[in-house]
Amino acid sequence: MTTTTQHMNLIVVVLLIISFAIAPAISTVPKECETDSTNSCIDKTKALPLKIIAIVAILVTSMIGVTAPLFSRYVPFLSPDGKIFMVIKCFASGIILGTSFMHVFA
């Protein structure tokens, strides 16, 4: 049991280090796309921190969603047969369907 927990902690730490190492390389703004554009409503330097926060938030929530079924065996509150887990699954399905409808009907 402790080795599994240590492996999971190691995997989480490695994924976080990789994500923080890759994020600055991906999110560099080219010189032609800096704030001197003709459209004054778009400010790429102010949008960059928000994009980084969004990427980290998506990464963390995705890791929670993927590992939730693994931990639900050991936590009686989140048992797969319980009502709480069913509500979480329905909520996640609703988010996925809502996102797909927004992209299809736009």
PDB file of N, CA and C in Angstrom:
ATOM      1  N   MET A   1       0.821  -1.186   0.000  1.00  0.00           N
ATOM      2  CA  MET A   1       0.000   0.000   0.000  1.00  0.00           C
ATOM      3  C   MET A   1       0.869   1.255   0.000  1.00  0.00           C
ATOM      4  N   THR A   2       1.914   1.276   0.816  1.00  0.00           N
ATOM      5  CA  THR A   2       2.752   2.470   0.861  1.00  0.00           C
ATOM      6  C   THR A   2       3.556   2.642  -0.418  1.00  0.00           C
ATOM      7  N   THR A   3       3.943   1.530  -1.051  1.00  0.00           N
ATOM      8  CA  THR A   3       4.695   1.677  -2.297  1.00  0.00           C
ATOM      9  C   THR A   3       3.800   2.231  -3.393  1.00  0.00           C
ATOM     10  N   THR A   4       2.525   1.850  -3.405  1.00  0.00           N
ATOM     11  CA  THR A   4       1.600   2.392  -4.400  1.00  0.00           C
ATOM     12  C   THR A   4       1.410   3.882  -4.181  1.00  0.00           C
ATOM     13  N   THR A   5       1.280   4.314  -2.949  1.00  0.00           N
ATOM     14  CA  THR A   5       1.143   5.732  -2.639  1.00  0.00           C
ATOM     15  C   THR A   5       2.405   6.490  -3.017  1.00  0.00           C
ATOM     16  N   GLN A   6       3.551   5.908  -2.760  1.00  0.00           N
ATOM     17  CA  GLN A   6       4.801   6.567  -3.128  1.00  0.00           C
ATOM     18  C   GLN A   6       4.923   6.678  -4.636  1.00  0.00           C
ATOM     19  N   HIS A   7       4.500   5.636  -5.366  1.00  0.00           N
ATOM     20  CA  HIS A   7       4.541   5.693  -6.828  1.00  0.00           C
ATOM     21  C   HIS A   7       3.592   6.759  -7.361  1.00  0.00           C
ATOM     22  N   MET A   8       2.400   6.855  -6.784  1.00  0.00           N
ATOM     23  CA  MET A   8       1.443   7.866  -7.221  1.00  0.00           C
ATOM     24  C   MET A   8       1.971   9.269  -6.937  1.00  0.00           C
ATOM     25  N   ASN A   9       2.572   9.470  -5.777  1.00  0.00           N
ATOM     26  CA  ASN A   9       3.156  10.778  -5.455  1.00  0.00           C
ATOM     27  C   ASN A   9       4.290  11.116  -6.409  1.00  0.00           C
ATOM     28  N   LEU A  10       5.100  10.149  -6.730  1.00  0.00           N
ATOM     29  CA  LEU A  10       6.201  10.370  -7.667  1.00  0.00           C
ATOM     30  C   LEU A  10       5.677  10.724  -9.054  1.00  0.00           C
ATOM     31  N   ILE A  11       4.642  10.043  -9.497  1.00  0.00           N
ATOM     32  CA  ILE A  11       4.058  10.329 -10.817  1.00  0.00           C
ATOM     33  C   ILE A  11       3.491  11.739 -10.852  1.00  0.00           C
ATOM     34  N   VAL A  12       2.790  12.153  -9.815  1.00  0.00           N
ATOM     35  CA  VAL A  12       2.219  13.496  -9.760  1.00  0.00           C
ATOM     36  C   VAL A  12       3.317  14.547  -9.788  1.00  0.00           C
ATOM     37  N   VAL A  13       4.370  14.340  -9.027  1.00  0.00           N
ATOM     38  CA  VAL A  13       5.474  15.308  -8.994  1.00  0.00           C
ATOM     39  C   VAL A  13       6.159  15.388 -10.354  1.00  0.00           C
ATOM     40  N   VAL A  14       6.383  14.251 -10.998  1.00  0.00           N
ATOM     41  CA  VAL A  14       7.028  14.251 -12.314  1.00  0.00           C
ATOM     42  C   VAL A  14       6.154  14.958 -13.340  1.00  0.00           C
ATOM     43  N   LEU A  15       4.834  14.706 -13.322  1.00  0.00           N
ATOM     44  CA  LEU A  15       3.942  15.381 -14.261  1.00  0.00           C
ATOM     45  C   LEU A  15       3.909  16.887 -14.026  1.00  0.00           C
ATOM     46  N   LEU A  16       3.921  17.311 -12.776  1.00  0.00           N
ATOM     47  CA  LEU A  16       3.949  18.745 -12.498  1.00  0.00           C
ATOM     48  C   LEU A  16       5.249  19.391 -12.965  1.00  0.00           C
ATOM     49  N   ILE A  17       6.360  18.725 -12.741  1.00  0.00           N
ATOM     50  CA  ILE A  17       7.650  19.273 -13.189  1.00  0.00           C
ATOM     51  C   ILE A  17       7.690  19.368 -14.709  1.00  0.00           C
ATOM     52  N   ILE A  18       7.202  18.341 -15.383  1.00  0.00           N
ATOM     53  CA  ILE A  18       7.172  18.363 -16.851  1.00  0.00           C
ATOM     54  C   ILE A  18       6.278  19.486 -17.356  1.00  0.00           C
ATOM     55  N   SER A  19       5.107  19.638 -16.747  1.00  0.00           N
ATOM     56  CA  SER A  19       4.185  20.676 -17.214  1.00  0.00           C
ATOM     57  C   SER A  19       4.751  22.074 -16.998  1.00  0.00           C
ATOM     58  N   PHE A  20       5.431  22.294 -15.865  1.00  0.00           N
ATOM     59  CA  PHE A  20       6.020  23.611 -15.645  1.00  0.00           C
ATOM     60  C   PHE A  20       7.264  23.833 -16.492  1.00  0.00           C
ATOM     61  N   ALA A  21       7.935  22.777 -16.908  1.00  0.00           N
ATOM     62  CA  ALA A  21       9.107  22.927 -17.766  1.00  0.00           C
ATOM     63  C   ALA A  21       8.705  23.203 -19.210  1.00  0.00           C
ATOM     64  N   ILE A  22       7.599  22.622 -19.647  1.00  0.00           N
ATOM     65  CA  ILE A  22       7.164  22.776 -21.036  1.00  0.00           C
ATOM     66  C   ILE A  22       6.386  24.069 -21.239  1.00  0.00           C
ATOM     67  N   ALA A  23       5.647  24.529 -20.247  1.00  0.00           N
ATOM     68  CA  ALA A  23       4.776  25.691 -20.394  1.00  0.00           C
ATOM     69  C   ALA A  23       5.501  26.951 -20.882  1.00  0.00           C
ATOM     70  N   PRO A  24       6.654  27.339 -20.343  1.00  0.00           N
ATOM     71  CA  PRO A  24       7.304  28.551 -20.867  1.00  0.00           C
ATOM     72  C   PRO A  24       7.778  28.404 -22.306  1.00  0.00           C
ATOM     73  N   ALA A  25       8.160  27.207 -22.707  1.00  0.00           N
ATOM     74  CA  ALA A  25       8.623  27.017 -24.081  1.00  0.00           C
ATOM     75  C   ALA A  25       7.467  27.108 -25.071  1.00  0.00           C
ATOM     76  N   ILE A  26       6.304  26.663 -24.677  1.00  0.00           N
ATOM     77  CA  ILE A  26       5.148  26.681 -25.573  1.00  0.00           C
ATOM     78  C   ILE A  26       4.527  28.065 -25.642  1.00  0.00           C
ATOM     79  N   SER A  27       4.534  28.791 -24.543  1.00  0.00           N
ATOM     80  CA  SER A  27       3.770  30.028 -24.464  1.00  0.00           C
ATOM     81  C   SER A  27       4.587  31.285 -24.754  1.00  0.00           C
ATOM     82  N   THR A  28       5.698  31.178 -25.438  1.00  0.00           N
ATOM     83  CA  THR A  28       6.441  32.377 -25.794  1.00  0.00           C
ATOM     84  C   THR A  28       5.744  33.074 -26.954  1.00  0.00           C
ATOM     85  N   VAL A  29       5.657  34.370 -26.883  1.00  0.00           N
ATOM     86  CA  VAL A  29       4.956  35.159 -27.888  1.00  0.00           C
ATOM     87  C   VAL A  29       5.957  35.607 -28.947  1.00  0.00           C
ATOM     88  N   PRO A  30       5.669  35.365 -30.242  1.00  0.00           N
ATOM     89  CA  PRO A  30       6.568  35.856 -31.290  1.00  0.00           C
ATOM     90  C   PRO A  30       6.620  37.379 -31.300  1.00  0.00           C
ATOM     91  N   LYS A  31       7.688  37.929 -31.844  1.00  0.00           N
ATOM     92  CA  LYS A  31       7.863  39.386 -31.831  1.00  0.00           C
ATOM     93  C   LYS A  31       6.806  40.098 -32.659  1.00  0.00           C
ATOM     94  N   GLU A  32       6.322  39.489 -33.730  1.00  0.00           N
ATOM     95  CA  GLU A  32       5.320  40.157 -34.559  1.00  0.00           C
ATOM     96  C   GLU A  32       3.940  40.158 -33.908  1.00  0.00           C
ATOM     97  N   CYS A  33       3.746  39.409 -32.839  1.00  0.00           N
ATOM     98  CA  CYS A  33       2.446  39.322 -32.169  1.00  0.00           C
ATOM     99  C   CYS A  33       2.439  40.041 -30.834  1.00  0.00           C
ATOM    100  N   GLU A  34       3.330  40.959 -30.609  1.00  0.00           N
ATOM    101  CA  GLU A  34       3.372  41.650 -29.322  1.00  0.00           C
ATOM    102  C   GLU A  34       2.247  42.678 -29.240  1.00  0.00           C
ATOM    103  N   THR A  35       2.233  43.474 -28.193  1.00  0.00           N
ATOM    104  CA  THR A  35       1.109  44.372 -27.904  1.00  0.00           C
ATOM    105  C   THR A  35       0.986  45.537 -28.879  1.00  0.00           C
ATOM    106  N   ASP A  36       1.852  45.686 -29.847  1.00  0.00           N
ATOM    107  CA  ASP A  36       1.791  46.798 -30.781  1.00  0.00           C
ATOM    108  C   ASP A  36       0.855  46.516 -31.948  1.00  0.00           C
ATOM    109  N   SER A  37      -0.137  45.671 -31.763  1.00  0.00           N
ATOM    110  CA  SER A  37      -1.053  45.350 -32.854  1.00  0.00           C
ATOM    111  C   SER A  37      -2.047  46.487 -33.051  1.00  0.00           C
ATOM    112  N   THR A  38      -2.787  46.447 -34.151  1.00  0.00           N
ATOM    113  CA  THR A  38      -3.756  47.500 -34.462  1.00  0.00           C
ATOM    114  C   THR A  38      -5.034  47.349 -33.648  1.00  0.00           C
ATOM    115  N   ASN A  39      -5.340  46.141 -33.195  1.00  0.00           N
ATOM    116  CA  ASN A  39      -6.534  45.916 -32.397  1.00  0.00           C
ATOM    117  C   ASN A  39      -6.200  46.176 -30.931  1.00  0.00           C
ATOM    118  N   SER A  40      -6.818  47.214 -30.349  1.00  0.00           N
ATOM    119  CA  SER A  40      -6.494  47.574 -28.974  1.00  0.00           C
ATOM    120  C   SER A  40      -7.196  46.681 -27.954  1.00  0.00           C
ATOM    121  N   CYS A  41      -8.137  45.853 -28.383  1.00  0.00           N
ATOM    122  CA  CYS A  41      -8.854  44.974 -27.452  1.00  0.00           C
ATOM    123  C   CYS A  41      -8.082  43.705 -27.144  1.00  0.00           C
ATOM    124  N   ILE A  42      -7.049  43.406 -27.906  1.00  0.00           N
ATOM    125  CA  ILE A  42      -6.275  42.194 -27.704  1.00  0.00           C
ATOM    126  C   ILE A  42      -4.922  42.572 -27.116  1.00  0.00           C
ATOM    127  N   ASP A  43      -4.663  42.073 -25.920  1.00  0.00           N
ATOM    128  CA  ASP A  43      -3.384  42.318 -25.263  1.00  0.00           C
ATOM    129  C   ASP A  43      -2.789  40.967 -24.893  1.00  0.00           C
ATOM    130  N   LYS A  44      -1.851  40.505 -25.691  1.00  0.00           N
ATOM    131  CA  LYS A  44      -1.293  39.174 -25.516  1.00  0.00           C
ATOM    132  C   LYS A  44      -0.454  39.044 -24.253  1.00  0.00           C
ATOM    133  N   THR A  45       0.147  40.122 -23.797  1.00  0.00           N
ATOM    134  CA  THR A  45       0.957  40.024 -22.584  1.00  0.00           C
ATOM    135  C   THR A  45       0.079  39.870 -21.342  1.00  0.00           C
ATOM    136  N   LYS A  46      -1.115  40.464 -21.343  1.00  0.00           N
ATOM    137  CA  LYS A  46      -2.037  40.280 -20.218  1.00  0.00           C
ATOM    138  C   LYS A  46      -2.742  38.931 -20.294  1.00  0.00           C
ATOM    139  N   ALA A  47      -2.894  38.391 -21.494  1.00  0.00           N
ATOM    140  CA  ALA A  47      -3.587  37.112 -21.658  1.00  0.00           C
ATOM    141  C   ALA A  47      -2.696  35.923 -21.316  1.00  0.00           C
ATOM    142  N   LEU A  48      -1.390  36.090 -21.404  1.00  0.00           N
ATOM    143  CA  LEU A  48      -0.470  34.975 -21.173  1.00  0.00           C
ATOM    144  C   LEU A  48      -0.589  34.373 -19.767  1.00  0.00           C
ATOM    145  N   PRO A  49      -0.613  35.164 -18.685  1.00  0.00           N
ATOM    146  CA  PRO A  49      -0.779  34.529 -17.366  1.00  0.00           C
ATOM    147  C   PRO A  49      -2.108  33.792 -17.221  1.00  0.00           C
ATOM    148  N   LEU A  50      -3.156  34.329 -17.831  1.00  0.00           N
ATOM    149  CA  LEU A  50      -4.455  33.653 -17.770  1.00  0.00           C
ATOM    150  C   LEU A  50      -4.429  32.321 -18.518  1.00  0.00           C
ATOM    151  N   LYS A  51      -3.718  32.287 -19.627  1.00  0.00           N
ATOM    152  CA  LYS A  51      -3.597  31.033 -20.378  1.00  0.00           C
ATOM    153  C   LYS A  51      -2.814  29.994 -19.574  1.00  0.00           C
ATOM    154  N   ILE A  52      -1.756  30.425 -18.903  1.00  0.00           N
ATOM    155  CA  ILE A  52      -0.962  29.502 -18.094  1.00  0.00           C
ATOM    156  C   ILE A  52      -1.796  28.970 -16.930  1.00  0.00           C
ATOM    157  N   ILE A  53      -2.573  29.852 -16.294  1.00  0.00           N
ATOM    158  CA  ILE A  53      -3.441  29.418 -15.208  1.00  0.00           C
ATOM    159  C   ILE A  53      -4.476  28.423 -15.721  1.00  0.00           C
ATOM    160  N   ALA A  54      -5.027  28.673 -16.909  1.00  0.00           N
ATOM    161  CA  ALA A  54      -6.025  27.759 -17.476  1.00  0.00           C
ATOM    162  C   ALA A  54      -5.416  26.397 -17.782  1.00  0.00           C
ATOM    163  N   ILE A  55      -4.211  26.380 -18.314  1.00  0.00           N
ATOM    164  CA  ILE A  55      -3.557  25.102 -18.623  1.00  0.00           C
ATOM    165  C   ILE A  55      -3.290  24.311 -17.348  1.00  0.00           C
ATOM    166  N   VAL A  56      -2.808  24.989 -16.306  1.00  0.00           N
ATOM    167  CA  VAL A  56      -2.542  24.302 -15.039  1.00  0.00           C
ATOM    168  C   VAL A  56      -3.845  23.800 -14.423  1.00  0.00           C
ATOM    169  N   ALA A  57      -4.904  24.624 -14.478  1.00  0.00           N
ATOM    170  CA  ALA A  57      -6.192  24.201 -13.917  1.00  0.00           C
ATOM    171  C   ALA A  57      -6.749  22.996 -14.651  1.00  0.00           C
ATOM    172  N   ILE A  58      -6.640  22.987 -15.970  1.00  0.00           N
ATOM    173  CA  ILE A  58      -7.113  21.847 -16.753  1.00  0.00           C
ATOM    174  C   ILE A  58      -6.287  20.614 -16.443  1.00  0.00           C
ATOM    175  N   LEU A  59      -4.968  20.781 -16.306  1.00  0.00           N
ATOM    176  CA  LEU A  59      -4.110  19.640 -15.979  1.00  0.00           C
ATOM    177  C   LEU A  59      -4.447  19.051 -14.612  1.00  0.00           C
ATOM    178  N   VAL A  60      -4.620  19.906 -13.617  1.00  0.00           N
ATOM    179  CA  VAL A  60      -4.901  19.422 -12.258  1.00  0.00           C
ATOM    180  C   VAL A  60      -6.268  18.743 -12.202  1.00  0.00           C
ATOM    181  N   THR A  61      -7.282  19.370 -12.782  1.00  0.00           N
ATOM    182  CA  THR A  61      -8.616  18.758 -12.738  1.00  0.00           C
ATOM    183  C   THR A  61      -8.675  17.476 -13.561  1.00  0.00           C
ATOM    184  N   SER A  62      -7.920  17.406 -14.621  1.00  0.00           N
ATOM    185  CA  SER A  62      -7.865  16.167 -15.397  1.00  0.00           C
ATOM    186  C   SER A  62      -7.206  15.052 -14.600  1.00  0.00           C
ATOM    187  N   MET A  63      -6.127  15.391 -13.886  1.00  0.00           N
ATOM    188  CA  MET A  63      -5.476  14.364 -13.062  1.00  0.00           C
ATOM    189  C   MET A  63      -6.398  13.898 -11.942  1.00  0.00           C
ATOM    190  N   ILE A  64      -7.167  14.810 -11.365  1.00  0.00           N
ATOM    191  CA  ILE A  64      -8.125  14.421 -10.329  1.00  0.00           C
ATOM    192  C   ILE A  64      -9.197  13.517 -10.922  1.00  0.00           C
ATOM    193  N   GLY A  65      -9.692  13.863 -12.105  1.00  0.00           N
ATOM    194  CA  GLY A  65     -10.728  13.050 -12.736  1.00  0.00           C
ATOM    195  C   GLY A  65     -10.246  11.667 -13.138  1.00  0.00           C
ATOM    196  N   VAL A  66      -9.002  11.582 -13.564  1.00  0.00           N
ATOM    197  CA  VAL A  66      -8.462  10.281 -13.975  1.00  0.00           C
ATOM    198  C   VAL A  66      -8.159   9.409 -12.766  1.00  0.00           C
ATOM    199  N   THR A  67      -7.646   9.998 -11.705  1.00  0.00           N
ATOM    200  CA  THR A  67      -7.264   9.200 -10.545  1.00  0.00           C
ATOM    201  C   THR A  67      -8.401   8.983  -9.552  1.00  0.00           C
ATOM    202  N   ALA A  68      -9.534   9.660  -9.720  1.00  0.00           N
ATOM    203  CA  ALA A  68     -10.658   9.496  -8.789  1.00  0.00           C
ATOM    204  C   ALA A  68     -11.148   8.054  -8.705  1.00  0.00           C
ATOM    205  N   PRO A  69     -11.322   7.349  -9.832  1.00  0.00           N
ATOM    206  CA  PRO A  69     -11.752   5.950  -9.700  1.00  0.00           C
ATOM    207  C   PRO A  69     -10.718   5.063  -9.004  1.00  0.00           C
ATOM    208  N   LEU A  70      -9.447   5.399  -9.132  1.00  0.00           N
ATOM    209  CA  LEU A  70      -8.421   4.602  -8.464  1.00  0.00           C
ATOM    210  C   LEU A  70      -8.482   4.763  -6.951  1.00  0.00           C
ATOM    211  N   PHE A  71      -8.710   5.993  -6.485  1.00  0.00           N
ATOM    212  CA  PHE A  71      -8.767   6.248  -5.054  1.00  0.00           C
ATOM    213  C   PHE A  71     -10.122   5.936  -4.447  1.00  0.00           C
ATOM    214  N   SER A  72     -11.147   5.818  -5.275  1.00  0.00           N
ATOM    215  CA  SER A  72     -12.490   5.594  -4.737  1.00  0.00           C
ATOM    216  C   SER A  72     -12.634   4.212  -4.104  1.00  0.00           C
ATOM    217  N   ARG A  73     -11.764   3.296  -4.450  1.00  0.00           N
ATOM    218  CA  ARG A  73     -11.803   1.974  -3.816  1.00  0.00           C
ATOM    219  C   ARG A  73     -11.436   2.058  -2.344  1.00  0.00           C
ATOM    220  N   TYR A  74     -10.507   2.928  -2.019  1.00  0.00           N
ATOM    221  CA  TYR A  74      -9.967   3.002  -0.662  1.00  0.00           C
ATOM    222  C   TYR A  74     -10.707   4.001   0.224  1.00  0.00           C
ATOM    223  N   VAL A  75     -11.476   4.889  -0.388  1.00  0.00           N
ATOM    224  CA  VAL A  75     -12.228   5.882   0.379  1.00  0.00           C
ATOM    225  C   VAL A  75     -13.698   5.478   0.360  1.00  0.00           C
ATOM    226  N   PRO A  76     -14.260   5.088   1.487  1.00  0.00           N
ATOM    227  CA  PRO A  76     -15.641   4.613   1.484  1.00  0.00           C
ATOM    228  C   PRO A  76     -16.647   5.687   1.069  1.00  0.00           C
ATOM    229  N   PHE A  77     -16.308   6.949   1.298  1.00  0.00           N
ATOM    230  CA  PHE A  77     -17.202   8.043   0.921  1.00  0.00           C
ATOM    231  C   PHE A  77     -17.405   8.107  -0.601  1.00  0.00           C
ATOM    232  N   LEU A  78     -16.386   7.733  -1.359  1.00  0.00           N
ATOM    233  CA  LEU A  78     -16.441   7.803  -2.823  1.00  0.00           C
ATOM    234  C   LEU A  78     -16.570   6.431  -3.472  1.00  0.00           C
ATOM    235  N   SER A  79     -17.222   5.504  -2.827  1.00  0.00           N
ATOM    236  CA  SER A  79     -17.342   4.167  -3.411  1.00  0.00           C
ATOM    237  C   SER A  79     -18.094   4.243  -4.730  1.00  0.00           C
ATOM    238  N   PRO A  80     -17.705   3.429  -5.717  1.00  0.00           N
ATOM    239  CA  PRO A  80     -18.332   3.496  -7.044  1.00  0.00           C
ATOM    240  C   PRO A  80     -19.818   3.160  -7.033  1.00  0.00           C
ATOM    241  N   ASP A  81     -20.299   2.497  -5.991  1.00  0.00           N
ATOM    242  CA  ASP A  81     -21.715   2.164  -5.922  1.00  0.00           C
ATOM    243  C   ASP A  81     -22.525   3.231  -5.197  1.00  0.00           C
ATOM    244  N   GLY A  82     -21.869   4.239  -4.653  1.00  0.00           N
ATOM    245  CA  GLY A  82     -22.560   5.251  -3.858  1.00  0.00           C
ATOM    246  C   GLY A  82     -23.202   6.338  -4.701  1.00  0.00           C
ATOM    247  N   LYS A  83     -24.046   7.117  -4.058  1.00  0.00           N
ATOM    248  CA  LYS A  83     -24.774   8.190  -4.745  1.00  0.00           C
ATOM    249  C   LYS A  83     -23.870   9.376  -5.069  1.00  0.00           C
ATOM    250  N   ILE A  84     -22.889   9.628  -4.226  1.00  0.00           N
ATOM    251  CA  ILE A  84     -21.979  10.757  -4.470  1.00  0.00           C
ATOM    252  C   ILE A  84     -21.194  10.531  -5.754  1.00  0.00           C
ATOM    253  N   PHE A  85     -20.689   9.327  -5.935  1.00  0.00           N
ATOM    254  CA  PHE A  85     -19.921   9.022  -7.143  1.00  0.00           C
ATOM    255  C   PHE A  85     -20.806   9.127  -8.382  1.00  0.00           C
ATOM    256  N   MET A  86     -22.082   8.716  -8.256  1.00  0.00           N
ATOM    257  CA  MET A  86     -23.019   8.826  -9.378  1.00  0.00           C
ATOM    258  C   MET A  86     -23.265  10.293  -9.742  1.00  0.00           C
ATOM    259  N   VAL A  87     -23.386  11.149  -8.745  1.00  0.00           N
ATOM    260  CA  VAL A  87     -23.586  12.572  -9.002  1.00  0.00           C
ATOM    261  C   VAL A  87     -22.361  13.166  -9.690  1.00  0.00           C
ATOM    262  N   ILE A  88     -21.185  12.772  -9.257  1.00  0.00           N
ATOM    263  CA  ILE A  88     -19.952  13.268  -9.883  1.00  0.00           C
ATOM    264  C   ILE A  88     -19.871  12.822 -11.340  1.00  0.00           C
ATOM    265  N   LYS A  89     -20.228  11.564 -11.607  1.00  0.00           N
ATOM    266  CA  LYS A  89     -20.199  11.069 -12.987  1.00  0.00           C
ATOM    267  C   LYS A  89     -21.222  11.796 -13.863  1.00  0.00           C
ATOM    268  N   CYS A  90     -22.408  12.043 -13.327  1.00  0.00           N
ATOM    269  CA  CYS A  90     -23.427  12.758 -14.099  1.00  0.00           C
ATOM    270  C   CYS A  90     -23.001  14.197 -14.378  1.00  0.00           C
ATOM    271  N   PHE A  91     -22.399  14.841 -13.388  1.00  0.00           N
ATOM    272  CA  PHE A  91     -21.919  16.203 -13.580  1.00  0.00           C
ATOM    273  C   PHE A  91     -20.844  16.249 -14.660  1.00  0.00           C
ATOM    274  N   ALA A  92     -19.905  15.304 -14.622  1.00  0.00           N
ATOM    275  CA  ALA A  92     -18.843  15.262 -15.634  1.00  0.00           C
ATOM    276  C   ALA A  92     -19.427  15.004 -17.024  1.00  0.00           C
ATOM    277  N   SER A  93     -20.411  14.126 -17.114  1.00  0.00           N
ATOM    278  CA  SER A  93     -21.046  13.865 -18.409  1.00  0.00           C
ATOM    279  C   SER A  93     -21.751  15.111 -18.929  1.00  0.00           C
ATOM    280  N   GLY A  94     -22.393  15.845 -18.034  1.00  0.00           N
ATOM    281  CA  GLY A  94     -23.060  17.085 -18.438  1.00  0.00           C
ATOM    282  C   GLY A  94     -22.085  18.130 -18.945  1.00  0.00           C
ATOM    283  N   ILE A  95     -20.928  18.227 -18.306  1.00  0.00           N
ATOM    284  CA  ILE A  95     -19.906  19.176 -18.764  1.00  0.00           C
ATOM    285  C   ILE A  95     -19.418  18.795 -20.156  1.00  0.00           C
ATOM    286  N   ILE A  96     -19.183  17.507 -20.374  1.00  0.00           N
ATOM    287  CA  ILE A  96     -18.706  17.045 -21.682  1.00  0.00           C
ATOM    288  C   ILE A  96     -19.764  17.301 -22.754  1.00  0.00           C
ATOM    289  N   LEU A  97     -21.016  16.975 -22.465  1.00  0.00           N
ATOM    290  CA  LEU A  97     -22.082  17.210 -23.445  1.00  0.00           C
ATOM    291  C   LEU A  97     -22.284  18.698 -23.716  1.00  0.00           C
ATOM    292  N   GLY A  98     -22.247  19.506 -22.658  1.00  0.00           N
ATOM    293  CA  GLY A  98     -22.407  20.946 -22.844  1.00  0.00           C
ATOM    294  C   GLY A  98     -21.298  21.543 -23.694  1.00  0.00           C
ATOM    295  N   THR A  99     -20.083  21.108 -23.463  1.00  0.00           N
ATOM    296  CA  THR A  99     -18.953  21.594 -24.256  1.00  0.00           C
ATOM    297  C   THR A  99     -19.084  21.165 -25.708  1.00  0.00           C
ATOM    298  N   SER A 100     -19.483  19.938 -25.935  1.00  0.00           N
ATOM    299  CA  SER A 100     -19.631  19.475 -27.319  1.00  0.00           C
ATOM    300  C   SER A 100     -20.748  20.212 -28.034  1.00  0.00           C
ATOM    301  N   PHE A 101     -21.868  20.465 -27.358  1.00  0.00           N
ATOM    302  CA  PHE A 101     -22.953  21.213 -27.991  1.00  0.00           C
ATOM    303  C   PHE A 101     -22.528  22.647 -28.316  1.00  0.00           C
ATOM    304  N   MET A 102     -21.752  23.250 -27.441  1.00  0.00           N
ATOM    305  CA  MET A 102     -21.281  24.616 -27.714  1.00  0.00           C
ATOM    306  C   MET A 102     -20.414  24.665 -28.957  1.00  0.00           C
ATOM    307  N   HIS A 103     -19.613  23.634 -29.181  1.00  0.00           N
ATOM    308  CA  HIS A 103     -18.743  23.621 -30.350  1.00  0.00           C
ATOM    309  C   HIS A 103     -19.494  23.222 -31.616  1.00  0.00           C
ATOM    310  N   VAL A 104     -20.497  22.390 -31.494  1.00  0.00           N
ATOM    311  CA  VAL A 104     -21.240  21.943 -32.680  1.00  0.00           C
ATOM    312  C   VAL A 104     -22.199  23.014 -33.154  1.00  0.00           C
ATOM    313  N   PHE A 105     -22.926  23.637 -32.235  1.00  0.00           N
ATOM    314  CA  PHE A 105     -23.964  24.581 -32.608  1.00  0.00           C
ATOM    315  C   PHE A 105     -23.456  26.001 -32.829  1.00  0.00           C
ATOM    316  N   ALA A 106     -22.195  26.255 -32.589  1.00  0.00           N
ATOM    317  CA  ALA A 106     -21.679  27.610 -32.766  1.00  0.00           C
ATOM    318  C   ALA A 106     -21.558  27.969 -34.176  1.00  0.00           C
TER     319      ALA A 106
END
